[in-house]
Amino acid sequence: MQKIDLNERLKKPAHARLPKEDAKDTGIAPHRKSDRIREQSEERQERKPRRPEQQANPQTMQAEVPPKPEDDGYGEEDALLLEREMLRIRRDKRAEERKRKLHKALTIVIIAACIYVAFLIYGVGNTEYVYDDTGRVVTRIMTVDDIRALEDFSAVAAQYRQARMLYEKALVLDYRIAAGQEEPLLVAPEYDRLLEDVEALSIQLSALDYPAEYSQTVNMLTLWVQNDIAIYCQNISRAISQNNAEYAAHAEEYRTLMYNDFSVITENIATLGYAVKGAEIEDIISWSPEKYVQEEIGGLLYGS
């Protein structure tokens, strides 16, 4: 047998180591044969069966898809929730309605209580105490009409008292001149200042609202303020400041007229007060020009 030198064999290229008949049969260039071998290897790799974990699992794929909700169960739960919400809303609405009615009722009760308390206070303030036949102090019982009549009389009597206050001021000035202790020229300007109060009272009387039974007395009082005392103050002031006898005569005339007219007005006011239950007329009945000058000033009425 022929010996083969392995070292020489290995030194030859790969295609040279192949048998000549093999190289002839393939008909493929040596550098293309390696590519062919690589392609065949890749084809064999593709033909190999996949491993179990690499194969698609139909069950796994099916599990990855989210399940559809069951239509029937979801609809019933939603309907129950909606019904509960509607019940809650109706319950809250009924509770709110009860609260509103209760608040309205409490408001009405409070208003009624306030009116009742105000009526009681008003009644206590207007309650008068008188002596009965046995000498005991008892309350004077007054109706609504009595209270209204008392208010009307009190309004007229208040205007009368303001007019009487003006008359008293004029009486004081007359007394100061008659006493001779002051210079008349110093007293004369005070009559002019008194005229300002006379004009203010005249405006009040013109705006006074009074019942028909007081019309005659109120008209007499208005004329007394606008004519009697007003003209007297004007004439007495001019008579003193101008030393005019004619003005002095007019002043003397209106002093007498002022005295007579106011006496009649005082009697009329007192007469009206007698017919009104609870009317305070003691100061009206007891007043007179002479008494005022004597008690308040300590002298005699000028010209008496």
Protein backbone atom coordinates (compact mmCIF):
# COMPACT_ATOMS: atom_id res chain seq x y z
CA MET A 1 0.00 0.00 0.00
CA GLN A 2 1.05 3.59 -0.65
CA LYS A 3 1.84 5.66 2.33
CA ILE A 4 0.14 9.05 2.66
CA ASP A 5 1.98 11.92 4.14
CA LEU A 6 -0.49 13.75 6.32
CA ASN A 7 1.61 16.87 6.60
CA GLU A 8 1.69 17.27 2.88
CA ARG A 9 -2.02 16.59 2.74
CA LEU A 10 -2.87 19.26 5.20
CA LYS A 11 -0.76 21.84 3.46
CA LYS A 12 -2.92 21.63 0.34
CA PRO A 13 -6.05 23.70 -0.07
CA ALA A 14 -9.41 22.20 0.77
CA HIS A 15 -10.51 21.84 -2.82
CA ALA A 16 -7.19 20.24 -3.61
CA ARG A 17 -7.72 17.66 -0.91
CA LEU A 18 -10.94 16.47 -2.57
CA PRO A 19 -10.78 13.64 -4.94
CA LYS A 20 -10.50 14.75 -8.51
CA GLU A 21 -13.56 12.95 -9.55
CA ASP A 22 -15.59 14.75 -6.90
CA ALA A 23 -14.43 18.14 -8.10
CA LYS A 24 -15.21 17.18 -11.60
CA ASP A 25 -18.68 15.89 -10.82
CA THR A 26 -19.96 18.92 -8.92
CA GLY A 27 -19.15 21.40 -11.58
CA ILE A 28 -19.20 24.14 -8.93
CA ALA A 29 -16.49 26.54 -8.33
CA PRO A 30 -14.70 26.00 -5.04
CA HIS A 31 -15.67 29.45 -3.65
CA ARG A 32 -19.33 28.90 -4.56
CA LYS A 33 -19.48 25.54 -2.97
CA SER A 34 -19.07 26.97 0.49
CA ASP A 35 -21.99 29.33 -0.18
CA ARG A 36 -24.07 26.41 -1.32
CA ILE A 37 -23.26 24.49 1.81
CA ARG A 38 -24.28 27.46 3.99
CA GLU A 39 -27.60 27.79 2.14
CA GLN A 40 -28.33 24.09 2.56
CA SER A 41 -27.57 24.39 6.24
CA GLU A 42 -30.01 27.27 6.59
CA GLU A 43 -32.70 25.32 4.73
CA ARG A 44 -32.25 22.37 7.04
CA GLN A 45 -32.48 24.73 10.02
CA GLU A 46 -35.80 26.04 8.74
CA ARG A 47 -37.15 22.53 8.26
CA LYS A 48 -36.52 21.63 11.89
CA PRO A 49 -39.71 21.52 14.01
CA ARG A 50 -40.21 24.39 16.44
CA ARG A 51 -39.95 23.88 20.14
CA PRO A 52 -43.16 23.74 22.15
CA GLU A 53 -42.58 27.22 23.66
CA GLN A 54 -42.01 28.68 20.16
CA GLN A 55 -45.22 27.29 18.67
CA ALA A 56 -48.39 29.39 18.84
CA ASN A 57 -50.72 28.18 21.56
CA PRO A 58 -54.35 28.74 20.56
CA GLN A 59 -55.43 28.72 24.21
CA THR A 60 -52.84 31.34 25.14
CA MET A 61 -53.85 33.53 22.22
CA GLN A 62 -57.46 33.22 23.20
CA ALA A 63 -56.68 34.17 26.81
CA GLU A 64 -54.92 37.33 25.72
CA VAL A 65 -58.14 38.70 24.22
CA PRO A 66 -60.18 40.46 26.99
CA PRO A 67 -63.46 38.75 27.60
CA LYS A 68 -66.59 40.57 26.60
CA PRO A 69 -68.82 41.61 29.47
CA GLU A 70 -71.97 39.72 29.90
CA ASP A 71 -74.69 42.04 28.66
CA ASP A 72 -77.48 40.67 30.81
CA GLY A 73 -75.73 40.93 34.20
CA TYR A 74 -74.35 44.44 33.54
CA GLY A 75 -77.78 45.86 32.57
CA GLU A 76 -79.51 44.62 35.71
CA GLU A 77 -76.85 46.12 38.00
CA ASP A 78 -77.07 49.45 36.23
CA ALA A 79 -80.85 49.47 36.53
CA LEU A 80 -80.63 48.76 40.27
CA LEU A 81 -78.17 51.59 40.80
CA LEU A 82 -80.37 53.98 38.83
CA GLU A 83 -83.44 52.99 40.82
CA ARG A 84 -81.61 53.48 44.12
CA GLU A 85 -80.42 56.91 43.01
CA MET A 86 -83.94 57.94 42.04
CA LEU A 87 -85.26 56.77 45.43
CA ARG A 88 -82.56 58.77 47.20
CA ILE A 89 -83.39 61.90 45.21
CA ARG A 90 -87.12 61.58 45.98
CA ARG A 91 -86.35 61.00 49.66
CA ASP A 92 -84.12 64.06 49.84
CA LYS A 93 -86.73 66.12 48.04
CA ARG A 94 -89.45 65.10 50.52
CA ALA A 95 -87.13 65.94 53.43
CA GLU A 96 -86.35 69.35 51.94
CA GLU A 97 -90.05 70.02 51.43
CA ARG A 98 -90.77 69.16 55.07
CA LYS A 99 -87.99 71.49 56.22
CA ARG A 100 -89.35 74.31 54.06
CA LYS A 101 -92.88 73.91 55.43
CA LEU A 102 -91.56 73.77 58.99
CA HIS A 103 -89.50 76.94 58.47
CA LYS A 104 -92.52 78.73 57.00
CA ALA A 105 -94.71 77.68 59.92
CA LEU A 106 -92.10 78.83 62.46
CA THR A 107 -91.80 82.19 60.69
CA ILE A 108 -95.55 82.71 60.84
CA VAL A 109 -95.63 81.79 64.53
CA ILE A 110 -92.77 84.18 65.35
CA ILE A 111 -94.41 87.05 63.45
CA ALA A 112 -97.72 86.41 65.18
CA ALA A 113 -95.99 86.31 68.56
CA CYS A 114 -94.21 89.62 67.85
CA ILE A 115 -97.49 91.26 66.85
CA TYR A 116 -99.17 89.95 69.99
CA VAL A 117 -96.35 91.20 72.22
CA ALA A 118 -96.42 94.60 70.49
CA PHE A 119 -100.17 94.77 71.03
CA LEU A 120 -99.72 93.95 74.71
CA ILE A 121 -97.05 96.60 75.11
CA TYR A 122 -99.21 99.12 73.33
CA GLY A 123 -102.15 98.18 75.52
CA VAL A 124 -100.11 98.48 78.71
CA GLY A 125 -98.77 101.86 77.59
CA ASN A 126 -102.26 103.17 76.92
CA THR A 127 -103.91 101.61 79.96
CA GLU A 128 -105.12 104.10 82.49
CA TYR A 129 -106.04 103.53 86.10
CA VAL A 130 -109.04 105.25 87.68
CA TYR A 131 -110.90 105.10 90.94
CA ASP A 132 -114.18 103.25 90.98
CA ASP A 133 -117.20 103.95 93.17
CA THR A 134 -115.64 102.11 96.09
CA GLY A 135 -112.37 104.04 95.89
CA ARG A 136 -110.29 101.20 94.46
CA VAL A 137 -107.83 101.72 91.63
CA VAL A 138 -108.98 99.82 88.55
CA THR A 139 -107.92 99.81 84.92
CA ARG A 140 -109.89 101.84 82.45
CA ILE A 141 -111.28 99.51 79.79
CA MET A 142 -110.91 100.98 76.31
CA THR A 143 -111.98 99.64 72.95
CA VAL A 144 -110.22 100.13 69.63
CA ASP A 145 -112.57 103.03 68.82
CA ASP A 146 -111.78 104.62 72.19
CA ILE A 147 -108.06 104.39 71.49
CA ARG A 148 -108.48 105.92 68.02
CA ALA A 149 -110.59 108.78 69.43
CA LEU A 150 -107.98 109.40 72.12
CA GLU A 151 -105.21 109.60 69.50
CA ASP A 152 -107.20 112.12 67.44
CA PHE A 153 -107.89 114.30 70.46
CA SER A 154 -104.28 114.09 71.64
CA ALA A 155 -103.05 115.33 68.24
CA VAL A 156 -105.32 118.38 68.38
CA ALA A 157 -104.55 119.01 72.05
CA ALA A 158 -100.82 118.96 71.29
CA GLN A 159 -101.24 121.78 68.76
CA TYR A 160 -103.32 123.71 71.30
CA ARG A 161 -100.58 123.39 73.92
CA GLN A 162 -97.97 124.71 71.45
CA ALA A 163 -100.19 127.72 70.73
CA ARG A 164 -100.67 128.27 74.45
CA MET A 165 -96.90 128.22 74.89
CA LEU A 166 -96.61 131.07 72.37
CA TYR A 167 -99.30 132.99 74.24
CA GLU A 168 -97.39 132.52 77.49
CA LYS A 169 -94.22 133.94 75.90
CA ALA A 170 -96.19 136.98 74.73
CA LEU A 171 -97.61 137.42 78.25
CA VAL A 172 -94.10 137.38 79.71
CA LEU A 173 -92.93 140.07 77.26
CA ASP A 174 -95.98 142.20 78.07
CA TYR A 175 -95.27 141.89 81.77
CA ARG A 176 -91.64 142.90 81.32
CA ILE A 177 -92.72 146.09 79.50
CA ALA A 178 -95.48 146.84 82.03
CA ALA A 179 -93.12 146.36 84.97
CA GLY A 180 -90.91 149.15 83.61
CA GLN A 181 -87.74 147.41 84.77
CA GLU A 182 -86.32 147.10 81.21
CA GLU A 183 -85.96 149.43 78.29
CA PRO A 184 -88.86 148.73 75.87
CA LEU A 185 -86.53 149.06 72.87
CA LEU A 186 -84.57 146.06 74.18
CA VAL A 187 -87.71 143.97 74.50
CA ALA A 188 -89.17 144.84 71.08
CA PRO A 189 -86.82 142.52 69.05
CA GLU A 190 -88.03 139.55 71.09
CA TYR A 191 -91.54 140.02 69.63
CA ASP A 192 -89.99 139.68 66.18
CA ARG A 193 -88.25 136.45 67.21
CA LEU A 194 -91.56 135.19 68.59
CA LEU A 195 -93.05 135.66 65.12
CA GLU A 196 -90.72 132.94 63.78
CA ASP A 197 -92.26 130.41 66.19
CA VAL A 198 -95.72 131.64 65.20
CA GLU A 199 -95.02 130.97 61.50
CA ALA A 200 -93.70 127.48 62.24
CA LEU A 201 -96.85 126.57 64.21
CA SER A 202 -99.02 127.97 61.44
CA ILE A 203 -97.42 125.54 58.97
CA GLN A 204 -97.98 122.61 61.34
CA LEU A 205 -101.65 123.45 61.77
CA SER A 206 -102.14 123.68 58.01
CA ALA A 207 -100.73 120.14 57.59
CA LEU A 208 -102.70 118.65 60.50
CA ASP A 209 -105.07 115.78 59.62
CA TYR A 210 -108.03 115.71 62.00
CA PRO A 211 -111.58 114.29 62.13
CA ALA A 212 -114.60 116.35 61.20
CA GLU A 213 -115.69 116.95 64.79
CA TYR A 214 -112.49 118.94 65.43
CA SER A 215 -112.70 121.11 62.30
CA GLN A 216 -114.29 124.16 63.96
CA THR A 217 -111.86 124.18 66.89
CA VAL A 218 -108.80 123.62 64.69
CA ASN A 219 -109.91 126.43 62.34
CA MET A 220 -110.32 128.80 65.28
CA LEU A 221 -106.86 127.83 66.56
CA THR A 222 -105.31 128.34 63.11
CA LEU A 223 -106.87 131.82 62.77
CA TRP A 224 -105.73 132.72 66.26
CA VAL A 225 -102.13 131.82 65.34
CA GLN A 226 -102.11 133.43 61.89
CA ASN A 227 -104.07 136.58 62.80
CA ASP A 228 -104.40 137.34 66.51
CA ILE A 229 -100.96 136.68 67.95
CA ALA A 230 -99.10 137.31 64.68
CA ILE A 231 -100.66 140.75 64.13
CA TYR A 232 -100.26 141.63 67.81
CA CYS A 233 -96.52 140.87 67.79
CA GLN A 234 -96.03 142.91 64.61
CA ASN A 235 -97.92 145.95 65.94
CA ILE A 236 -96.40 145.97 69.42
CA SER A 237 -92.89 145.68 68.00
CA ARG A 238 -93.46 148.59 65.58
CA ALA A 239 -95.18 150.67 68.23
CA ILE A 240 -92.17 150.37 70.54
CA SER A 241 -89.38 150.66 67.96
CA GLN A 242 -91.06 153.56 66.04
CA ASN A 243 -92.82 155.10 69.05
CA ASN A 244 -95.98 155.06 66.93
CA ALA A 245 -99.33 155.58 68.65
CA GLU A 246 -101.32 154.10 65.77
CA TYR A 247 -99.43 150.80 65.97
CA ALA A 248 -99.86 150.90 69.74
CA ALA A 249 -103.65 151.21 69.33
CA HIS A 250 -103.73 148.26 66.91
CA ALA A 251 -101.61 146.24 69.33
CA GLU A 252 -104.01 147.00 72.18
CA GLU A 253 -106.95 145.93 70.02
CA TYR A 254 -105.38 142.61 69.06
CA ARG A 255 -104.24 141.97 72.63
CA THR A 256 -107.89 141.96 73.71
CA LEU A 257 -108.92 139.89 70.68
CA MET A 258 -106.12 137.43 71.36
CA TYR A 259 -107.26 137.06 74.95
CA ASN A 260 -110.96 136.54 74.13
CA ASP A 261 -110.43 134.13 71.22
CA PHE A 262 -107.98 131.95 73.13
CA SER A 263 -110.37 131.69 76.06
CA VAL A 264 -113.06 130.36 73.70
CA ILE A 265 -110.61 127.88 72.14
CA THR A 266 -109.60 126.63 75.59
CA GLU A 267 -113.24 126.01 76.53
CA ASN A 268 -113.86 124.16 73.25
CA ILE A 269 -110.82 121.91 73.71
CA ALA A 270 -111.90 121.09 77.26
CA THR A 271 -115.44 120.28 76.10
CA LEU A 272 -114.12 117.93 73.41
CA GLY A 273 -111.85 116.26 75.94
CA TYR A 274 -114.74 115.45 78.25
CA ALA A 275 -116.24 113.19 75.57
CA VAL A 276 -113.01 111.25 74.99
CA LYS A 277 -112.28 108.38 77.32
CA GLY A 278 -108.82 108.67 78.82
CA ALA A 279 -108.18 112.25 77.65
CA GLU A 280 -105.94 114.37 79.87
CA ILE A 281 -107.57 117.78 80.14
CA GLU A 282 -106.76 118.83 83.71
CA ASP A 283 -104.13 121.34 82.60
CA ILE A 284 -106.51 122.70 79.94
CA ILE A 285 -109.39 123.24 82.34
CA SER A 286 -107.27 124.90 85.01
CA TRP A 287 -105.31 127.24 82.72
CA SER A 288 -106.04 130.93 82.21
CA PRO A 289 -103.85 133.95 81.31
CA GLU A 290 -104.39 135.55 84.70
CA LYS A 291 -103.48 132.40 86.59
CA TYR A 292 -100.37 131.86 84.51
CA VAL A 293 -99.06 135.38 85.08
CA GLN A 294 -99.79 135.21 88.78
CA GLU A 295 -98.30 131.75 89.40
CA GLU A 296 -95.44 131.69 86.93
CA ILE A 297 -94.40 135.33 86.87
CA GLY A 298 -95.66 136.54 90.22
CA GLY A 299 -97.52 139.61 88.97
CA LEU A 300 -100.77 140.79 87.45
CA LEU A 301 -101.88 140.49 83.85
CA TYR A 302 -101.03 143.60 81.86
CA GLY A 303 -104.04 145.88 81.67
CA SER A 304 -106.06 144.12 84.36
